[in-house]
Amino acid sequence: MAKKLEFEDSDGVVQRKIDIDDTSKEVTVYAGDETKIMSIEKHASRHVSGGDDPISGLTYDQLATDTIVIEVPFPVPDSQQSGLAADSTGVKWTSVFKGRWNKRHLKKVRIRATWSASNTDSETKIAVKDIDSGNDIVSVSGNAGTDQEAETTDLANVTDGKLFEVYAEVTTASGTSGATFDISYVVVELVYGIS
């Protein structure tokens, strides 16, 4: 094998070396400490001849974190509800709609909702629940909320390939008999980061 061609900086310290393999004729660039930086041929193979093109053949491992972000909204079709009882605690509505988790590249789960109450002393939680584990993934809560939003990056309780649902639970009952709450809408957003 021929001696590597060396490139020095202005202080005379070798910063880069170039070598040609006698058999394959592959040109390789090394750091001054002999750490391999890249093969010119392998890098060039990702481009069309001449190299005047966008990168092609980029592998998954070469993407920076969250290079591509996709937000997938799930408007819950049966979320508009009215006259739900707020004078006692407990779950008052569960979506007929069920979504399916795909955890690959899933980075966040977000919920957004608008709801109102007939009386100011009740508290309602609207949550996304993993049906398999039975755990809440993310929720919003309060007496009322307009476009209220919450998100989580803690996906430990998300069961890949299984279903999720949305429900509304009165956590603090109103002291007024016949008190109610209404839900205008609920949207679940799954945020995927491809990297």
C-alpha atoms as a PDB file:
ATOM      1  CA  MET A   1       0.000   0.000   0.000  1.00  0.00           C
ATOM      2  CA  ALA A   2       1.300   3.424  -0.915  1.00  0.00           C
ATOM      3  CA  LYS A   3       2.067   6.014   1.732  1.00  0.00           C
ATOM      4  CA  LYS A   4      -0.892   8.200   2.659  1.00  0.00           C
ATOM      5  CA  LEU A   5      -0.885  11.719   1.275  1.00  0.00           C
ATOM      6  CA  GLU A   6      -0.790  14.057   4.301  1.00  0.00           C
ATOM      7  CA  PHE A   7      -2.201  17.575   4.710  1.00  0.00           C
ATOM      8  CA  GLU A   8      -0.854  19.826   7.443  1.00  0.00           C
ATOM      9  CA  ASP A   9      -2.268  22.973   8.980  1.00  0.00           C
ATOM     10  CA  SER A  10      -0.231  26.196   9.234  1.00  0.00           C
ATOM     11  CA  ASP A  11       1.475  24.889  12.403  1.00  0.00           C
ATOM     12  CA  GLY A  12       2.771  21.794  10.614  1.00  0.00           C
ATOM     13  CA  VAL A  13       0.310  19.421  12.343  1.00  0.00           C
ATOM     14  CA  VAL A  14      -1.138  16.698  10.119  1.00  0.00           C
ATOM     15  CA  GLN A  15      -4.917  17.190   9.965  1.00  0.00           C
ATOM     16  CA  ARG A  16      -5.972  14.941   7.096  1.00  0.00           C
ATOM     17  CA  LYS A  17      -4.596  11.953   5.201  1.00  0.00           C
ATOM     18  CA  ILE A  18      -5.736  10.474   1.904  1.00  0.00           C
ATOM     19  CA  ASP A  19      -5.095   6.878   0.917  1.00  0.00           C
ATOM     20  CA  ILE A  20      -5.824   4.786  -2.196  1.00  0.00           C
ATOM     21  CA  ASP A  21      -6.404   1.062  -1.742  1.00  0.00           C
ATOM     22  CA  ASP A  22      -4.130  -0.864  -4.146  1.00  0.00           C
ATOM     23  CA  THR A  23      -6.785  -3.508  -4.876  1.00  0.00           C
ATOM     24  CA  SER A  24     -10.132  -1.681  -4.902  1.00  0.00           C
ATOM     25  CA  LYS A  25      -8.689   1.728  -5.834  1.00  0.00           C
ATOM     26  CA  GLU A  26     -11.018   3.173  -3.200  1.00  0.00           C
ATOM     27  CA  VAL A  27      -9.984   6.626  -1.973  1.00  0.00           C
ATOM     28  CA  THR A  28     -10.347   7.101   1.781  1.00  0.00           C
ATOM     29  CA  VAL A  29      -9.953  10.251   3.863  1.00  0.00           C
ATOM     30  CA  TYR A  30      -8.545   9.926   7.386  1.00  0.00           C
ATOM     31  CA  ALA A  31      -8.085  12.336  10.274  1.00  0.00           C
ATOM     32  CA  GLY A  32      -4.565  13.087  11.423  1.00  0.00           C
ATOM     33  CA  ASP A  33      -4.848  10.344  14.060  1.00  0.00           C
ATOM     34  CA  GLU A  34      -5.762   7.724  11.400  1.00  0.00           C
ATOM     35  CA  THR A  35      -9.492   7.787  12.245  1.00  0.00           C
ATOM     36  CA  LYS A  36     -11.432   7.006   9.082  1.00  0.00           C
ATOM     37  CA  ILE A  37     -13.583   9.941   8.012  1.00  0.00           C
ATOM     38  CA  MET A  38     -15.083   8.733   4.739  1.00  0.00           C
ATOM     39  CA  SER A  39     -14.702   6.768   1.553  1.00  0.00           C
ATOM     40  CA  ILE A  40     -14.948   9.038  -1.466  1.00  0.00           C
ATOM     41  CA  GLU A  41     -16.446   6.278  -3.657  1.00  0.00           C
ATOM     42  CA  LYS A  42     -19.031   5.231  -1.085  1.00  0.00           C
ATOM     43  CA  HIS A  43     -20.053   8.825  -0.543  1.00  0.00           C
ATOM     44  CA  ALA A  44     -20.204   9.502  -4.275  1.00  0.00           C
ATOM     45  CA  SER A  45     -22.419   6.450  -4.809  1.00  0.00           C
ATOM     46  CA  ARG A  46     -25.248   8.344  -3.116  1.00  0.00           C
ATOM     47  CA  HIS A  47     -25.244  10.904  -5.923  1.00  0.00           C
ATOM     48  CA  VAL A  48     -25.824  10.791  -9.629  1.00  0.00           C
ATOM     49  CA  SER A  49     -22.748  10.967 -11.803  1.00  0.00           C
ATOM     50  CA  GLY A  50     -21.054  14.324 -11.357  1.00  0.00           C
ATOM     51  CA  GLY A  51     -22.617  14.866  -7.939  1.00  0.00           C
ATOM     52  CA  ASP A  52     -24.845  17.761  -8.983  1.00  0.00           C
ATOM     53  CA  ASP A  53     -27.998  16.408  -7.312  1.00  0.00           C
ATOM     54  CA  PRO A  54     -29.842  16.158  -4.023  1.00  0.00           C
ATOM     55  CA  ILE A  55     -28.530  13.423  -1.749  1.00  0.00           C
ATOM     56  CA  SER A  56     -29.980  10.025  -2.604  1.00  0.00           C
ATOM     57  CA  GLY A  57     -29.689   6.750  -0.730  1.00  0.00           C
ATOM     58  CA  LEU A  58     -29.439   8.497   2.628  1.00  0.00           C
ATOM     59  CA  THR A  59     -29.684   5.896   5.366  1.00  0.00           C
ATOM     60  CA  TYR A  60     -31.853   6.136   8.485  1.00  0.00           C
ATOM     61  CA  ASP A  61     -28.793   6.444  10.749  1.00  0.00           C
ATOM     62  CA  GLN A  62     -27.584   9.512   8.865  1.00  0.00           C
ATOM     63  CA  LEU A  63     -30.660  11.612   9.634  1.00  0.00           C
ATOM     64  CA  ALA A  64     -30.367  14.189  12.401  1.00  0.00           C
ATOM     65  CA  THR A  65     -32.845  13.923  15.267  1.00  0.00           C
ATOM     66  CA  ASP A  66     -36.386  14.754  14.165  1.00  0.00           C
ATOM     67  CA  THR A  67     -35.272  15.726  10.659  1.00  0.00           C
ATOM     68  CA  ILE A  68     -38.865  15.220   9.542  1.00  0.00           C
ATOM     69  CA  VAL A  69     -41.758  16.006  11.898  1.00  0.00           C
ATOM     70  CA  ILE A  70     -45.270  14.847  11.072  1.00  0.00           C
ATOM     71  CA  GLU A  71     -48.281  15.802  13.188  1.00  0.00           C
ATOM     72  CA  VAL A  72     -51.253  13.504  12.659  1.00  0.00           C
ATOM     73  CA  PRO A  73     -54.517  14.966  13.993  1.00  0.00           C
ATOM     74  CA  PHE A  74     -57.400  12.716  15.039  1.00  0.00           C
ATOM     75  CA  PRO A  75     -60.528  14.829  15.464  1.00  0.00           C
ATOM     76  CA  VAL A  76     -62.678  12.623  17.699  1.00  0.00           C
ATOM     77  CA  PRO A  77     -65.921  12.425  15.697  1.00  0.00           C
ATOM     78  CA  ASP A  78     -68.270  11.795  18.621  1.00  0.00           C
ATOM     79  CA  SER A  79     -66.659  14.288  20.998  1.00  0.00           C
ATOM     80  CA  GLN A  80     -69.329  16.975  20.703  1.00  0.00           C
ATOM     81  CA  GLN A  81     -71.506  16.295  23.739  1.00  0.00           C
ATOM     82  CA  SER A  82     -74.028  18.325  25.696  1.00  0.00           C
ATOM     83  CA  GLY A  83     -75.866  18.020  28.986  1.00  0.00           C
ATOM     84  CA  LEU A  84     -73.425  15.596  30.602  1.00  0.00           C
ATOM     85  CA  ALA A  85     -74.027  15.327  34.353  1.00  0.00           C
ATOM     86  CA  ALA A  86     -71.620  17.380  36.482  1.00  0.00           C
ATOM     87  CA  ASP A  87     -73.394  16.958  39.827  1.00  0.00           C
ATOM     88  CA  SER A  88     -71.648  13.655  40.548  1.00  0.00           C
ATOM     89  CA  THR A  89     -68.132  12.351  39.962  1.00  0.00           C
ATOM     90  CA  GLY A  90     -67.154   9.649  37.516  1.00  0.00           C
ATOM     91  CA  VAL A  91     -66.720   9.009  33.801  1.00  0.00           C
ATOM     92  CA  LYS A  92     -69.557  10.676  31.888  1.00  0.00           C
ATOM     93  CA  TRP A  93     -68.511  10.006  28.297  1.00  0.00           C
ATOM     94  CA  THR A  94     -66.175   7.611  26.466  1.00  0.00           C
ATOM     95  CA  SER A  95     -65.519   7.940  22.755  1.00  0.00           C
ATOM     96  CA  VAL A  96     -66.921   5.350  20.407  1.00  0.00           C
ATOM     97  CA  PHE A  97     -63.929   6.293  18.214  1.00  0.00           C
ATOM     98  CA  LYS A  98     -60.810   4.249  18.923  1.00  0.00           C
ATOM     99  CA  GLY A  99     -57.377   5.034  17.506  1.00  0.00           C
ATOM    100  CA  ARG A 100     -54.468   2.623  17.082  1.00  0.00           C
ATOM    101  CA  TRP A 101     -50.974   3.365  18.355  1.00  0.00           C
ATOM    102  CA  ASN A 102     -47.919   3.021  16.154  1.00  0.00           C
ATOM    103  CA  LYS A 103     -44.987   3.812  18.446  1.00  0.00           C
ATOM    104  CA  ARG A 104     -42.279   3.788  15.792  1.00  0.00           C
ATOM    105  CA  HIS A 105     -41.055   7.381  15.589  1.00  0.00           C
ATOM    106  CA  LEU A 106     -43.828   8.554  17.955  1.00  0.00           C
ATOM    107  CA  LYS A 107     -42.409  11.474  19.966  1.00  0.00           C
ATOM    108  CA  LYS A 108     -45.425  13.188  21.545  1.00  0.00           C
ATOM    109  CA  VAL A 109     -49.106  12.725  22.191  1.00  0.00           C
ATOM    110  CA  ARG A 110     -51.170  15.912  22.385  1.00  0.00           C
ATOM    111  CA  ILE A 111     -54.790  16.572  23.317  1.00  0.00           C
ATOM    112  CA  ARG A 112     -56.747  19.744  22.615  1.00  0.00           C
ATOM    113  CA  ALA A 113     -60.318  20.406  23.715  1.00  0.00           C
ATOM    114  CA  THR A 114     -62.982  22.986  24.387  1.00  0.00           C
ATOM    115  CA  TRP A 115     -65.623  22.391  27.068  1.00  0.00           C
ATOM    116  CA  SER A 116     -67.898  24.446  29.285  1.00  0.00           C
ATOM    117  CA  ALA A 117     -69.899  23.948  32.470  1.00  0.00           C
ATOM    118  CA  SER A 118     -73.242  25.241  33.694  1.00  0.00           C
ATOM    119  CA  ASN A 119     -71.776  25.893  37.162  1.00  0.00           C
ATOM    120  CA  THR A 120     -68.331  27.089  38.208  1.00  0.00           C
ATOM    121  CA  ASP A 121     -67.697  24.596  41.027  1.00  0.00           C
ATOM    122  CA  SER A 122     -67.261  21.407  38.974  1.00  0.00           C
ATOM    123  CA  GLU A 123     -63.979  20.051  37.572  1.00  0.00           C
ATOM    124  CA  THR A 124     -63.744  17.856  34.491  1.00  0.00           C
ATOM    125  CA  LYS A 125     -60.822  15.887  33.079  1.00  0.00           C
ATOM    126  CA  ILE A 126     -60.692  14.979  29.377  1.00  0.00           C
ATOM    127  CA  ALA A 127     -58.039  12.350  28.724  1.00  0.00           C
ATOM    128  CA  VAL A 128     -56.491  10.042  26.149  1.00  0.00           C
ATOM    129  CA  LYS A 129     -56.329   6.531  27.605  1.00  0.00           C
ATOM    130  CA  ASP A 130     -54.375   3.499  26.438  1.00  0.00           C
ATOM    131  CA  ILE A 131     -57.034   0.805  26.507  1.00  0.00           C
ATOM    132  CA  ASP A 132     -54.584  -2.090  26.910  1.00  0.00           C
ATOM    133  CA  SER A 133     -52.703  -0.662  29.906  1.00  0.00           C
ATOM    134  CA  GLY A 134     -55.672   1.298  31.265  1.00  0.00           C
ATOM    135  CA  ASN A 135     -53.418   4.306  31.842  1.00  0.00           C
ATOM    136  CA  ASP A 136     -54.022   7.918  30.922  1.00  0.00           C
ATOM    137  CA  ILE A 137     -51.453   9.161  28.443  1.00  0.00           C
ATOM    138  CA  VAL A 138     -52.267  12.883  28.468  1.00  0.00           C
ATOM    139  CA  SER A 139     -55.156  15.011  29.712  1.00  0.00           C
ATOM    140  CA  VAL A 140     -56.575  18.490  30.179  1.00  0.00           C
ATOM    141  CA  SER A 141     -58.729  19.475  33.115  1.00  0.00           C
ATOM    142  CA  GLY A 142     -60.592  22.305  34.769  1.00  0.00           C
ATOM    143  CA  ASN A 143     -64.055  23.740  35.168  1.00  0.00           C
ATOM    144  CA  ALA A 144     -63.987  24.824  31.522  1.00  0.00           C
ATOM    145  CA  GLY A 145     -61.441  25.337  28.774  1.00  0.00           C
ATOM    146  CA  THR A 146     -61.210  26.906  25.345  1.00  0.00           C
ATOM    147  CA  ASP A 147     -58.762  25.237  22.973  1.00  0.00           C
ATOM    148  CA  GLN A 148     -56.951  23.965  26.052  1.00  0.00           C
ATOM    149  CA  GLU A 149     -53.962  21.837  25.140  1.00  0.00           C
ATOM    150  CA  ALA A 150     -51.553  19.445  26.823  1.00  0.00           C
ATOM    151  CA  GLU A 151     -48.858  17.140  25.492  1.00  0.00           C
ATOM    152  CA  THR A 152     -46.534  14.476  26.768  1.00  0.00           C
ATOM    153  CA  THR A 153     -43.312  12.890  25.616  1.00  0.00           C
ATOM    154  CA  ASP A 154     -43.602  10.144  28.258  1.00  0.00           C
ATOM    155  CA  LEU A 155     -44.758   7.212  26.146  1.00  0.00           C
ATOM    156  CA  ALA A 156     -44.006   4.432  28.645  1.00  0.00           C
ATOM    157  CA  ASN A 157     -47.710   3.561  28.976  1.00  0.00           C
ATOM    158  CA  VAL A 158     -48.426   3.574  25.237  1.00  0.00           C
ATOM    159  CA  THR A 159     -48.965  -0.013  24.078  1.00  0.00           C
ATOM    160  CA  ASP A 160     -47.694  -0.355  20.510  1.00  0.00           C
ATOM    161  CA  GLY A 161     -50.261  -1.730  18.090  1.00  0.00           C
ATOM    162  CA  LYS A 162     -53.105  -1.443  20.598  1.00  0.00           C
ATOM    163  CA  LEU A 163     -56.014   0.993  20.839  1.00  0.00           C
ATOM    164  CA  PHE A 164     -56.610   4.300  22.590  1.00  0.00           C
ATOM    165  CA  GLU A 165     -59.800   6.154  23.447  1.00  0.00           C
ATOM    166  CA  VAL A 166     -60.832   9.514  24.863  1.00  0.00           C
ATOM    167  CA  TYR A 167     -63.050   9.998  27.891  1.00  0.00           C
ATOM    168  CA  ALA A 168     -64.438  12.782  30.082  1.00  0.00           C
ATOM    169  CA  GLU A 169     -64.575  12.380  33.844  1.00  0.00           C
ATOM    170  CA  VAL A 170     -66.008  14.702  36.454  1.00  0.00           C
ATOM    171  CA  THR A 171     -63.342  14.765  39.168  1.00  0.00           C
ATOM    172  CA  THR A 172     -65.054  17.379  41.374  1.00  0.00           C
ATOM    173  CA  ALA A 173     -68.842  17.395  41.369  1.00  0.00           C
ATOM    174  CA  SER A 174     -70.862  20.580  41.386  1.00  0.00           C
ATOM    175  CA  GLY A 175     -72.860  21.244  44.533  1.00  0.00           C
ATOM    176  CA  THR A 176     -75.817  22.161  42.366  1.00  0.00           C
ATOM    177  CA  SER A 177     -78.204  19.361  41.505  1.00  0.00           C
ATOM    178  CA  GLY A 178     -78.693  19.091  37.751  1.00  0.00           C
ATOM    179  CA  ALA A 179     -75.393  20.827  36.909  1.00  0.00           C
ATOM    180  CA  THR A 180     -74.016  19.816  33.530  1.00  0.00           C
ATOM    181  CA  PHE A 181     -71.055  20.259  31.214  1.00  0.00           C
ATOM    182  CA  ASP A 182     -70.736  20.335  27.447  1.00  0.00           C
ATOM    183  CA  ILE A 183     -67.847  19.338  25.170  1.00  0.00           C
ATOM    184  CA  SER A 184     -67.436  21.297  21.933  1.00  0.00           C
ATOM    185  CA  TYR A 185     -64.638  19.188  20.485  1.00  0.00           C
ATOM    186  CA  VAL A 186     -61.636  16.994  21.250  1.00  0.00           C
ATOM    187  CA  VAL A 187     -58.640  16.443  18.980  1.00  0.00           C
ATOM    188  CA  VAL A 188     -55.811  13.985  19.621  1.00  0.00           C
ATOM    189  CA  GLU A 189     -52.553  14.704  17.797  1.00  0.00           C
ATOM    190  CA  LEU A 190     -49.782  12.148  17.361  1.00  0.00           C
ATOM    191  CA  VAL A 191     -46.437  13.792  16.684  1.00  0.00           C
ATOM    192  CA  TYR A 192     -43.878  11.683  14.831  1.00  0.00           C
ATOM    193  CA  GLY A 193     -40.212  12.633  14.465  1.00  0.00           C
ATOM    194  CA  ILE A 194     -38.347  10.789  11.752  1.00  0.00           C
ATOM    195  CA  SER A 195     -34.677  10.526  12.583  1.00  0.00           C
END
